[in-house]
Amino acid sequence: ELLIVIAIAATIAGAMVPMFNVTRRDAKNAKASSEVDMIRAASYMLHRDTGKWPMTGTAGADLLTDASSFLDWAGPYIDTWHSDPWGSTYEIFDVASSRYVQSRGANGIDETPGDDVEVLMTVNP
């Protein structure tokens, strides 16, 4: 009887593992989305104060420290430049006169904007 109970418990535990993986993935996506939104909000504050959008690339230096090219800089606009939950650095980049902030997502590959493996948000309209 004890072996039957152990077998049933092992089966139930095995069935729960995929649920935990989904929950972990959803938590990472939510964290990345929140951090991208924070960078977006900081970008709008920088634009409000200086009339300029943050520079493209990684590390968000102009959101963290005073950039000599930005008059009326009133930051820092964020405390630190975080890595996304998958270990990649958030990036700010330009496409067709719009600036975006992105996380490369779980696979770490820069893919088409709007796919389900990266978090992408427009910084400026």
C-alpha atoms as a PDB file:
ATOM      1  CA  GLU A   1       0.000   0.000   0.000  1.00  0.00           C
ATOM      2  CA  LEU A   2       2.844   2.354   0.793  1.00  0.00           C
ATOM      3  CA  LEU A   3       4.276   1.867  -2.701  1.00  0.00           C
ATOM      4  CA  ILE A   4       0.912   2.770  -4.247  1.00  0.00           C
ATOM      5  CA  VAL A   5       0.739   5.971  -2.186  1.00  0.00           C
ATOM      6  CA  ILE A   6       4.305   6.881  -3.178  1.00  0.00           C
ATOM      7  CA  ALA A   7       3.534   6.187  -6.850  1.00  0.00           C
ATOM      8  CA  ILE A   8       0.419   8.373  -6.726  1.00  0.00           C
ATOM      9  CA  ALA A   9       2.327  11.191  -4.982  1.00  0.00           C
ATOM     10  CA  ALA A  10       5.103  10.980  -7.588  1.00  0.00           C
ATOM     11  CA  THR A  11       2.560  11.118 -10.418  1.00  0.00           C
ATOM     12  CA  ILE A  12       0.869  14.167  -8.932  1.00  0.00           C
ATOM     13  CA  ALA A  13       4.239  15.869  -8.374  1.00  0.00           C
ATOM     14  CA  GLY A  14       5.229  15.108 -11.967  1.00  0.00           C
ATOM     15  CA  ALA A  15       2.023  16.664 -13.213  1.00  0.00           C
ATOM     16  CA  MET A  16       2.670  19.831 -11.175  1.00  0.00           C
ATOM     17  CA  VAL A  17       6.123  20.576 -12.678  1.00  0.00           C
ATOM     18  CA  PRO A  18       4.755  21.993 -15.968  1.00  0.00           C
ATOM     19  CA  MET A  19       2.411  24.264 -13.993  1.00  0.00           C
ATOM     20  CA  PHE A  20       5.368  25.670 -12.040  1.00  0.00           C
ATOM     21  CA  ASN A  21       7.272  26.301 -15.282  1.00  0.00           C
ATOM     22  CA  VAL A  22       4.322  28.251 -16.706  1.00  0.00           C
ATOM     23  CA  THR A  23       4.031  30.262 -13.500  1.00  0.00           C
ATOM     24  CA  ARG A  24       7.759  31.021 -13.513  1.00  0.00           C
ATOM     25  CA  ARG A  25       7.608  32.113 -17.178  1.00  0.00           C
ATOM     26  CA  ASP A  26       4.600  34.354 -16.499  1.00  0.00           C
ATOM     27  CA  ALA A  27       6.362  35.933 -13.512  1.00  0.00           C
ATOM     28  CA  LYS A  28       9.453  36.704 -15.604  1.00  0.00           C
ATOM     29  CA  ASN A  29       7.317  38.202 -18.376  1.00  0.00           C
ATOM     30  CA  ALA A  30       5.462  40.368 -15.845  1.00  0.00           C
ATOM     31  CA  LYS A  31       8.728  41.571 -14.291  1.00  0.00           C
ATOM     32  CA  ALA A  32      10.223  42.411 -17.689  1.00  0.00           C
ATOM     33  CA  SER A  33       7.060  44.229 -18.737  1.00  0.00           C
ATOM     34  CA  SER A  34       7.098  46.247 -15.518  1.00  0.00           C
ATOM     35  CA  GLU A  35      10.764  47.197 -15.920  1.00  0.00           C
ATOM     36  CA  VAL A  36      10.268  48.153 -19.570  1.00  0.00           C
ATOM     37  CA  ASP A  37       7.341  50.338 -18.490  1.00  0.00           C
ATOM     38  CA  MET A  38       9.592  51.958 -15.856  1.00  0.00           C
ATOM     39  CA  ILE A  39      12.217  52.748 -18.517  1.00  0.00           C
ATOM     40  CA  ARG A  40       9.474  54.131 -20.760  1.00  0.00           C
ATOM     41  CA  ALA A  41       8.187  56.403 -17.975  1.00  0.00           C
ATOM     42  CA  ALA A  42      11.729  57.585 -17.232  1.00  0.00           C
ATOM     43  CA  SER A  43      12.182  58.342 -20.943  1.00  0.00           C
ATOM     44  CA  TYR A  44       9.067  60.503 -20.935  1.00  0.00           C
ATOM     45  CA  MET A  45      10.340  62.400 -17.873  1.00  0.00           C
ATOM     46  CA  LEU A  46      13.689  62.974 -19.607  1.00  0.00           C
ATOM     47  CA  HIS A  47      11.852  64.252 -22.693  1.00  0.00           C
ATOM     48  CA  ARG A  48       9.651  66.507 -20.582  1.00  0.00           C
ATOM     49  CA  ASP A  49      12.693  68.091 -18.929  1.00  0.00           C
ATOM     50  CA  THR A  50      15.118  68.280 -21.865  1.00  0.00           C
ATOM     51  CA  GLY A  51      13.066  67.951 -25.046  1.00  0.00           C
ATOM     52  CA  LYS A  52      15.176  64.929 -26.067  1.00  0.00           C
ATOM     53  CA  TRP A  53      14.577  61.196 -25.986  1.00  0.00           C
ATOM     54  CA  PRO A  54      17.156  58.858 -24.426  1.00  0.00           C
ATOM     55  CA  MET A  55      20.046  57.796 -26.596  1.00  0.00           C
ATOM     56  CA  THR A  56      19.867  54.426 -28.298  1.00  0.00           C
ATOM     57  CA  GLY A  57      21.898  51.462 -27.104  1.00  0.00           C
ATOM     58  CA  THR A  58      22.167  49.776 -23.772  1.00  0.00           C
ATOM     59  CA  ALA A  59      22.836  50.921 -20.217  1.00  0.00           C
ATOM     60  CA  GLY A  60      20.558  53.994 -20.272  1.00  0.00           C
ATOM     61  CA  ALA A  61      23.368  56.317 -19.204  1.00  0.00           C
ATOM     62  CA  ASP A  62      21.398  59.496 -19.894  1.00  0.00           C
ATOM     63  CA  LEU A  63      18.568  58.278 -17.650  1.00  0.00           C
ATOM     64  CA  LEU A  64      21.016  57.595 -14.805  1.00  0.00           C
ATOM     65  CA  THR A  65      23.588  60.389 -14.952  1.00  0.00           C
ATOM     66  CA  ASP A  66      23.686  63.922 -16.287  1.00  0.00           C
ATOM     67  CA  ALA A  67      24.561  63.969 -19.963  1.00  0.00           C
ATOM     68  CA  SER A  68      26.310  67.183 -21.001  1.00  0.00           C
ATOM     69  CA  SER A  69      24.260  67.307 -24.206  1.00  0.00           C
ATOM     70  CA  PHE A  70      20.968  67.531 -22.280  1.00  0.00           C
ATOM     71  CA  LEU A  71      20.155  70.977 -20.969  1.00  0.00           C
ATOM     72  CA  ASP A  72      17.729  71.086 -18.028  1.00  0.00           C
ATOM     73  CA  TRP A  73      18.501  67.467 -17.076  1.00  0.00           C
ATOM     74  CA  ALA A  74      16.744  66.868 -13.736  1.00  0.00           C
ATOM     75  CA  GLY A  75      17.480  63.176 -13.136  1.00  0.00           C
ATOM     76  CA  PRO A  76      18.376  60.573 -12.329  1.00  0.00           C
ATOM     77  CA  TYR A  77      15.175  59.254 -13.824  1.00  0.00           C
ATOM     78  CA  ILE A  78      15.789  55.637 -12.771  1.00  0.00           C
ATOM     79  CA  ASP A  79      17.863  54.192  -9.925  1.00  0.00           C
ATOM     80  CA  THR A  80      19.713  51.498 -11.854  1.00  0.00           C
ATOM     81  CA  TRP A  81      19.717  49.946 -15.298  1.00  0.00           C
ATOM     82  CA  HIS A  82      18.491  46.411 -14.694  1.00  0.00           C
ATOM     83  CA  SER A  83      19.109  43.298 -16.719  1.00  0.00           C
ATOM     84  CA  ASP A  84      15.953  41.522 -17.787  1.00  0.00           C
ATOM     85  CA  PRO A  85      14.874  38.359 -15.931  1.00  0.00           C
ATOM     86  CA  TRP A  86      16.733  36.250 -18.528  1.00  0.00           C
ATOM     87  CA  GLY A  87      20.053  38.040 -18.010  1.00  0.00           C
ATOM     88  CA  SER A  88      20.075  40.271 -21.109  1.00  0.00           C
ATOM     89  CA  THR A  89      20.394  44.037 -20.970  1.00  0.00           C
ATOM     90  CA  TYR A  90      17.372  46.131 -21.873  1.00  0.00           C
ATOM     91  CA  GLU A  91      17.938  48.074 -25.080  1.00  0.00           C
ATOM     92  CA  ILE A  92      16.684  51.336 -26.512  1.00  0.00           C
ATOM     93  CA  PHE A  93      16.671  51.485 -30.309  1.00  0.00           C
ATOM     94  CA  ASP A  94      15.173  53.406 -33.244  1.00  0.00           C
ATOM     95  CA  VAL A  95      12.948  52.055 -36.000  1.00  0.00           C
ATOM     96  CA  ALA A  96      11.349  54.423 -38.521  1.00  0.00           C
ATOM     97  CA  SER A  97      11.636  57.535 -36.318  1.00  0.00           C
ATOM     98  CA  SER A  98      10.173  55.803 -33.264  1.00  0.00           C
ATOM     99  CA  ARG A  99      12.212  54.863 -30.240  1.00  0.00           C
ATOM    100  CA  TYR A 100      11.612  51.521 -28.519  1.00  0.00           C
ATOM    101  CA  VAL A 101      12.772  49.819 -25.354  1.00  0.00           C
ATOM    102  CA  GLN A 102      12.953  46.042 -25.386  1.00  0.00           C
ATOM    103  CA  SER A 103      13.926  42.917 -23.562  1.00  0.00           C
ATOM    104  CA  ARG A 104      15.142  40.132 -25.839  1.00  0.00           C
ATOM    105  CA  GLY A 105      13.056  37.633 -23.895  1.00  0.00           C
ATOM    106  CA  ALA A 106      13.747  34.062 -22.894  1.00  0.00           C
ATOM    107  CA  ASN A 107      15.653  33.092 -26.030  1.00  0.00           C
ATOM    108  CA  GLY A 108      17.892  36.198 -25.992  1.00  0.00           C
ATOM    109  CA  ILE A 109      17.375  36.804 -29.713  1.00  0.00           C
ATOM    110  CA  ASP A 110      16.296  40.113 -31.200  1.00  0.00           C
ATOM    111  CA  GLU A 111      13.226  39.149 -33.184  1.00  0.00           C
ATOM    112  CA  THR A 112      10.382  40.873 -34.941  1.00  0.00           C
ATOM    113  CA  PRO A 113       8.724  43.487 -32.713  1.00  0.00           C
ATOM    114  CA  GLY A 114       5.523  42.202 -31.214  1.00  0.00           C
ATOM    115  CA  ASP A 115       6.360  38.512 -31.043  1.00  0.00           C
ATOM    116  CA  ASP A 116       5.652  36.684 -27.824  1.00  0.00           C
ATOM    117  CA  VAL A 117       9.242  36.148 -26.687  1.00  0.00           C
ATOM    118  CA  GLU A 118      10.264  39.726 -26.133  1.00  0.00           C
ATOM    119  CA  VAL A 119       8.832  42.676 -24.299  1.00  0.00           C
ATOM    120  CA  LEU A 120       8.708  45.737 -26.524  1.00  0.00           C
ATOM    121  CA  MET A 121       7.290  49.143 -25.803  1.00  0.00           C
ATOM    122  CA  THR A 122       7.246  52.362 -27.805  1.00  0.00           C
ATOM    123  CA  VAL A 123       9.063  55.149 -25.989  1.00  0.00           C
ATOM    124  CA  ASN A 124       7.977  58.067 -28.155  1.00  0.00           C
ATOM    125  CA  PRO A 125       4.915  58.361 -30.411  1.00  0.00           C
END
